[in-house]
Each structure stands twice: as C-alpha cells, then as structure tokens.
C-alpha cells in the first residue's frame, strides 16, 4: 500500500486465491477503514478466484458505508474476465490506469 495524494493505492500481485485472499482482505479492510479513497491496482494479478472477489466486494461495501470511494485500476485481462463473468464490472468503478483514476477519468 502507498499513498498518492489523498488516495491509498493497494497493488495486488500474483494469484489472489484461497491461500492469499485473507492477507489481501486484511490490507483492503485496513485501507478502507482509514476513510480515504482506495484504488486497487490489479495489473499484477495473474489469477483471482471467488475468495479474492469476495474480499474486493467486502472492501467496496465498507467504503460505500463510509462514503470514501473505491475503484479498481489497471485490471489485468485475466482478472477482468472474472469480474465480467460475475457482472461486477458494472458494480466497481474501473479505471484504465492509476493516472486516469487520479484525474477522475
């Protein structure tokens, strides 16, 4: 996790599966708990399963309760396919890259 302006950027890498999603969930919930806008960089994710998606959804829901903002950036094509299959590409705000998200586009 790193701060970029008033945004916390979480970069997930590798496989976000049953083995790794508890750590991802912990980091995501810590970040949204701070009440700042959170961008999750998925460019380095090679695989994501339902447990990883559940972590993203939970963090998204908490950020909505806090009205703090939550978006996905630089989504790897493999992860995007999973999001599209679950129709979550219609739920999450998805930016092409970090710069586009920071610019509001």
N, C-alpha and C. Protein backbone atom coordinates (compact mmCIF):
# COMPACT_ATOMS: atom_id res chain seq x y z
N UNK A 1 0.84 -1.17 0.00
CA UNK A 1 0.00 0.00 0.00
C UNK A 1 0.89 1.24 0.00
N UNK A 2 0.44 2.24 -0.75
CA UNK A 2 1.15 3.51 -0.75
C UNK A 2 0.11 4.62 -0.88
N UNK A 3 0.51 5.80 -0.44
CA UNK A 3 -0.37 6.96 -0.57
C UNK A 3 0.04 7.76 -1.79
N UNK A 4 -0.93 8.15 -2.56
CA UNK A 4 -0.70 9.01 -3.71
C UNK A 4 -1.71 10.14 -3.59
N UNK A 5 -1.23 11.27 -3.08
CA UNK A 5 -2.15 12.36 -2.79
C UNK A 5 -3.08 11.97 -1.66
N UNK A 6 -4.37 12.05 -1.90
CA UNK A 6 -5.35 11.69 -0.88
C UNK A 6 -5.93 10.30 -1.13
N UNK A 7 -5.22 9.49 -1.92
CA UNK A 7 -5.70 8.17 -2.30
C UNK A 7 -4.72 7.11 -1.79
N UNK A 8 -5.27 6.04 -1.22
CA UNK A 8 -4.45 4.89 -0.86
C UNK A 8 -4.48 3.92 -2.03
N UNK A 9 -3.31 3.51 -2.50
CA UNK A 9 -3.21 2.60 -3.63
C UNK A 9 -2.71 1.25 -3.11
N UNK A 10 -3.52 0.22 -3.34
CA UNK A 10 -3.17 -1.14 -2.95
C UNK A 10 -2.87 -1.91 -4.23
N UNK A 11 -1.68 -2.46 -4.32
CA UNK A 11 -1.30 -3.25 -5.50
C UNK A 11 -1.32 -4.72 -5.14
N UNK A 12 -2.23 -5.45 -5.76
CA UNK A 12 -2.29 -6.90 -5.56
C UNK A 12 -1.51 -7.55 -6.69
N UNK A 13 -0.81 -8.64 -6.36
CA UNK A 13 0.04 -9.30 -7.36
C UNK A 13 -0.12 -10.81 -7.26
N UNK A 14 0.14 -11.47 -8.39
CA UNK A 14 0.12 -12.93 -8.42
C UNK A 14 -1.28 -13.50 -8.36
N UNK A 15 -1.41 -14.61 -7.65
CA UNK A 15 -2.69 -15.28 -7.52
C UNK A 15 -3.40 -14.80 -6.25
N UNK A 16 -4.60 -14.30 -6.43
CA UNK A 16 -5.43 -13.89 -5.29
C UNK A 16 -6.47 -14.99 -5.14
N UNK A 17 -6.08 -16.02 -4.39
CA UNK A 17 -6.91 -17.21 -4.24
C UNK A 17 -7.12 -17.51 -2.77
N UNK A 18 -7.64 -18.69 -2.48
CA UNK A 18 -7.96 -19.06 -1.11
C UNK A 18 -6.76 -18.95 -0.18
N UNK A 19 -5.56 -19.21 -0.70
CA UNK A 19 -4.35 -19.12 0.12
C UNK A 19 -3.95 -17.67 0.41
N UNK A 20 -4.14 -16.79 -0.57
CA UNK A 20 -3.65 -15.41 -0.45
C UNK A 20 -4.72 -14.37 -0.14
N UNK A 21 -5.97 -14.71 -0.38
CA UNK A 21 -7.02 -13.69 -0.21
C UNK A 21 -7.21 -13.22 1.24
N UNK A 22 -6.93 -14.04 2.28
CA UNK A 22 -7.07 -13.50 3.63
C UNK A 22 -6.14 -12.30 3.88
N UNK A 23 -4.92 -12.36 3.38
CA UNK A 23 -3.99 -11.24 3.52
C UNK A 23 -4.46 -10.03 2.71
N UNK A 24 -4.93 -10.29 1.48
CA UNK A 24 -5.46 -9.21 0.65
C UNK A 24 -6.64 -8.55 1.35
N UNK A 25 -7.53 -9.36 1.91
CA UNK A 25 -8.70 -8.85 2.63
C UNK A 25 -8.27 -7.97 3.80
N UNK A 26 -7.29 -8.43 4.55
CA UNK A 26 -6.79 -7.68 5.71
C UNK A 26 -6.28 -6.30 5.28
N UNK A 27 -5.49 -6.27 4.24
CA UNK A 27 -4.94 -5.00 3.74
C UNK A 27 -6.05 -4.09 3.21
N UNK A 28 -6.96 -4.66 2.43
CA UNK A 28 -8.05 -3.86 1.86
C UNK A 28 -8.94 -3.26 2.95
N UNK A 29 -9.29 -4.08 3.95
CA UNK A 29 -10.16 -3.58 5.02
C UNK A 29 -9.45 -2.53 5.88
N UNK A 30 -8.16 -2.70 6.08
CA UNK A 30 -7.38 -1.69 6.79
C UNK A 30 -7.43 -0.37 6.04
N UNK A 31 -7.25 -0.43 4.75
CA UNK A 31 -7.23 0.79 3.93
C UNK A 31 -8.59 1.48 3.91
N UNK A 32 -9.66 0.74 3.67
CA UNK A 32 -10.98 1.39 3.63
C UNK A 32 -11.39 1.87 5.02
N UNK A 33 -10.87 1.22 6.04
CA UNK A 33 -11.15 1.65 7.41
C UNK A 33 -10.57 3.00 7.75
N UNK A 34 -9.61 3.45 6.98
CA UNK A 34 -9.00 4.76 7.21
C UNK A 34 -9.85 5.90 6.68
N UNK A 35 -10.90 5.57 5.92
CA UNK A 35 -11.82 6.59 5.43
C UNK A 35 -11.33 7.39 4.24
N UNK A 36 -10.25 6.92 3.61
CA UNK A 36 -9.74 7.59 2.41
C UNK A 36 -10.20 6.83 1.18
N UNK A 37 -10.09 7.49 0.04
CA UNK A 37 -10.39 6.82 -1.21
C UNK A 37 -9.34 5.74 -1.44
N UNK A 38 -9.77 4.57 -1.92
CA UNK A 38 -8.87 3.44 -2.15
C UNK A 38 -8.93 3.03 -3.61
N UNK A 39 -7.76 2.90 -4.23
CA UNK A 39 -7.64 2.36 -5.58
C UNK A 39 -6.91 1.02 -5.45
N UNK A 40 -7.45 0.00 -6.06
CA UNK A 40 -6.81 -1.31 -6.05
C UNK A 40 -6.24 -1.58 -7.43
N UNK A 41 -4.92 -1.65 -7.51
CA UNK A 41 -4.20 -1.90 -8.75
C UNK A 41 -4.13 -3.42 -8.97
N UNK A 42 -4.79 -3.87 -10.03
CA UNK A 42 -4.84 -5.30 -10.33
C UNK A 42 -3.98 -5.68 -11.54
N UNK A 43 -3.05 -4.81 -11.92
CA UNK A 43 -2.23 -5.09 -13.10
C UNK A 43 -1.35 -6.32 -12.91
N UNK A 44 -0.95 -6.61 -11.68
CA UNK A 44 -0.07 -7.75 -11.43
C UNK A 44 -0.78 -9.02 -11.04
N UNK A 45 -2.12 -9.02 -11.09
CA UNK A 45 -2.88 -10.21 -10.70
C UNK A 45 -2.97 -11.16 -11.89
N UNK A 46 -2.47 -12.38 -11.70
CA UNK A 46 -2.50 -13.38 -12.77
C UNK A 46 -3.71 -14.29 -12.67
N UNK A 47 -4.31 -14.34 -11.47
CA UNK A 47 -5.48 -15.20 -11.24
C UNK A 47 -6.21 -14.68 -10.02
N UNK A 48 -7.54 -14.68 -10.08
CA UNK A 48 -8.33 -14.31 -8.91
C UNK A 48 -9.53 -15.24 -8.85
N UNK A 49 -9.79 -15.79 -7.67
CA UNK A 49 -10.92 -16.69 -7.52
C UNK A 49 -12.02 -16.01 -6.70
N UNK A 50 -13.04 -16.76 -6.35
CA UNK A 50 -14.19 -16.18 -5.66
C UNK A 50 -13.83 -15.59 -4.30
N UNK A 51 -12.82 -16.15 -3.63
CA UNK A 51 -12.43 -15.59 -2.34
C UNK A 51 -11.78 -14.23 -2.52
N UNK A 52 -11.02 -14.07 -3.59
CA UNK A 52 -10.42 -12.77 -3.89
C UNK A 52 -11.48 -11.75 -4.27
N UNK A 53 -12.44 -12.19 -5.08
CA UNK A 53 -13.54 -11.30 -5.46
C UNK A 53 -14.34 -10.90 -4.23
N UNK A 54 -14.58 -11.85 -3.33
CA UNK A 54 -15.32 -11.55 -2.10
C UNK A 54 -14.60 -10.49 -1.27
N UNK A 55 -13.29 -10.53 -1.23
CA UNK A 55 -12.52 -9.53 -0.49
C UNK A 55 -12.70 -8.15 -1.11
N UNK A 56 -12.68 -8.08 -2.44
CA UNK A 56 -12.90 -6.81 -3.13
C UNK A 56 -14.30 -6.28 -2.85
N UNK A 57 -15.29 -7.16 -2.92
CA UNK A 57 -16.68 -6.74 -2.71
C UNK A 57 -16.88 -6.24 -1.28
N UNK A 58 -16.32 -6.95 -0.30
CA UNK A 58 -16.45 -6.53 1.09
C UNK A 58 -15.83 -5.15 1.31
N UNK A 59 -14.65 -4.95 0.79
CA UNK A 59 -13.99 -3.64 0.93
C UNK A 59 -14.80 -2.55 0.24
N UNK A 60 -15.34 -2.86 -0.94
CA UNK A 60 -16.17 -1.91 -1.68
C UNK A 60 -17.40 -1.52 -0.86
N UNK A 61 -18.05 -2.50 -0.25
CA UNK A 61 -19.26 -2.23 0.54
C UNK A 61 -18.95 -1.35 1.75
N UNK A 62 -17.84 -1.61 2.42
CA UNK A 62 -17.46 -0.80 3.57
C UNK A 62 -17.12 0.62 3.13
N UNK A 63 -16.44 0.75 2.00
CA UNK A 63 -16.11 2.10 1.52
C UNK A 63 -17.37 2.87 1.17
N UNK A 64 -18.38 2.19 0.68
CA UNK A 64 -19.66 2.87 0.38
C UNK A 64 -20.32 3.34 1.67
N UNK A 65 -20.26 2.52 2.71
CA UNK A 65 -20.84 2.92 4.00
C UNK A 65 -20.14 4.16 4.54
N UNK A 66 -18.84 4.25 4.29
CA UNK A 66 -18.05 5.39 4.77
C UNK A 66 -18.03 6.55 3.78
N UNK A 67 -18.65 6.35 2.62
CA UNK A 67 -18.65 7.35 1.54
C UNK A 67 -17.25 7.81 1.19
N UNK A 68 -16.33 6.85 1.12
CA UNK A 68 -14.93 7.22 0.91
C UNK A 68 -14.43 6.97 -0.51
N UNK A 69 -15.06 6.14 -1.28
CA UNK A 69 -14.61 5.89 -2.64
C UNK A 69 -13.73 4.67 -2.75
N UNK A 70 -13.97 3.90 -3.80
CA UNK A 70 -13.25 2.65 -4.02
C UNK A 70 -13.26 2.38 -5.51
N UNK A 71 -12.11 2.11 -6.10
CA UNK A 71 -12.05 1.84 -7.54
C UNK A 71 -10.95 0.83 -7.82
N UNK A 72 -11.10 0.17 -8.95
CA UNK A 72 -10.09 -0.74 -9.45
C UNK A 72 -9.35 -0.05 -10.58
N UNK A 73 -8.04 -0.25 -10.65
CA UNK A 73 -7.24 0.37 -11.71
C UNK A 73 -6.35 -0.68 -12.36
N UNK A 74 -6.05 -0.45 -13.63
CA UNK A 74 -5.12 -1.32 -14.38
C UNK A 74 -5.46 -2.80 -14.20
N UNK A 75 -6.71 -3.14 -14.44
CA UNK A 75 -7.15 -4.51 -14.22
C UNK A 75 -6.59 -5.43 -15.30
N UNK A 76 -5.85 -6.44 -14.86
CA UNK A 76 -5.28 -7.45 -15.74
C UNK A 76 -6.42 -8.15 -16.49
N UNK A 77 -6.22 -8.49 -17.77
CA UNK A 77 -7.29 -9.13 -18.55
C UNK A 77 -7.86 -10.40 -17.89
N UNK A 78 -7.01 -11.19 -17.24
CA UNK A 78 -7.50 -12.41 -16.58
C UNK A 78 -8.46 -12.06 -15.44
N UNK A 79 -8.12 -11.06 -14.67
CA UNK A 79 -8.99 -10.63 -13.57
C UNK A 79 -10.26 -9.97 -14.12
N UNK A 80 -10.12 -9.22 -15.20
CA UNK A 80 -11.28 -8.56 -15.79
C UNK A 80 -12.30 -9.58 -16.28
N UNK A 81 -11.84 -10.68 -16.84
CA UNK A 81 -12.76 -11.73 -17.30
C UNK A 81 -13.60 -12.25 -16.14
N UNK A 82 -12.98 -12.46 -15.00
CA UNK A 82 -13.71 -12.96 -13.82
C UNK A 82 -14.73 -11.92 -13.37
N UNK A 83 -14.32 -10.65 -13.33
CA UNK A 83 -15.24 -9.58 -12.95
C UNK A 83 -16.42 -9.49 -13.92
N UNK A 84 -16.13 -9.64 -15.21
CA UNK A 84 -17.20 -9.59 -16.22
C UNK A 84 -18.15 -10.77 -16.09
N UNK A 85 -17.62 -11.95 -15.83
CA UNK A 85 -18.48 -13.14 -15.66
C UNK A 85 -19.44 -12.97 -14.48
N UNK A 86 -18.95 -12.33 -13.44
CA UNK A 86 -19.78 -12.09 -12.25
C UNK A 86 -20.59 -10.79 -12.38
N UNK A 87 -20.43 -10.11 -13.52
CA UNK A 87 -21.08 -8.83 -13.79
C UNK A 87 -20.68 -7.73 -12.80
N UNK A 88 -19.54 -7.93 -12.17
CA UNK A 88 -19.04 -6.93 -11.22
C UNK A 88 -18.35 -5.77 -11.92
N UNK A 89 -18.07 -5.93 -13.21
CA UNK A 89 -17.53 -4.80 -13.96
C UNK A 89 -18.55 -3.68 -14.05
N UNK A 90 -19.81 -3.99 -13.75
CA UNK A 90 -20.88 -2.98 -13.73
C UNK A 90 -21.07 -2.38 -12.36
N UNK A 91 -20.45 -3.00 -11.35
CA UNK A 91 -20.59 -2.54 -9.97
C UNK A 91 -19.40 -1.66 -9.57
N UNK A 92 -18.21 -2.17 -9.83
CA UNK A 92 -16.99 -1.44 -9.48
C UNK A 92 -16.72 -0.31 -10.47
N UNK A 93 -16.16 0.76 -9.97
CA UNK A 93 -15.58 1.77 -10.85
C UNK A 93 -14.23 1.22 -11.29
N UNK A 94 -14.00 1.17 -12.59
CA UNK A 94 -12.75 0.62 -13.13
C UNK A 94 -12.10 1.66 -14.02
N UNK A 95 -10.85 2.01 -13.69
CA UNK A 95 -10.08 2.96 -14.48
C UNK A 95 -9.00 2.21 -15.25
N UNK A 96 -8.69 2.69 -16.44
CA UNK A 96 -7.68 2.04 -17.28
C UNK A 96 -6.32 1.98 -16.57
N UNK A 97 -5.98 3.05 -15.86
CA UNK A 97 -4.72 3.09 -15.14
C UNK A 97 -4.84 4.07 -13.97
N UNK A 98 -3.80 4.11 -13.16
CA UNK A 98 -3.82 4.95 -11.96
C UNK A 98 -3.98 6.42 -12.31
N UNK A 99 -3.27 6.86 -13.33
CA UNK A 99 -3.34 8.27 -13.70
C UNK A 99 -4.75 8.67 -14.09
N UNK A 100 -5.43 7.80 -14.85
CA UNK A 100 -6.82 8.09 -15.25
C UNK A 100 -7.71 8.18 -14.01
N UNK A 101 -7.49 7.32 -13.05
CA UNK A 101 -8.28 7.36 -11.82
C UNK A 101 -8.03 8.62 -11.03
N UNK A 102 -6.79 9.00 -10.92
CA UNK A 102 -6.44 10.22 -10.16
C UNK A 102 -6.97 11.46 -10.85
N UNK A 103 -7.06 11.41 -12.19
CA UNK A 103 -7.59 12.54 -12.96
C UNK A 103 -9.11 12.54 -12.97
N UNK A 104 -9.71 11.47 -12.43
CA UNK A 104 -11.17 11.38 -12.39
C UNK A 104 -11.78 10.83 -13.65
N UNK A 105 -10.98 10.24 -14.52
CA UNK A 105 -11.48 9.72 -15.79
C UNK A 105 -11.34 8.31 -15.90
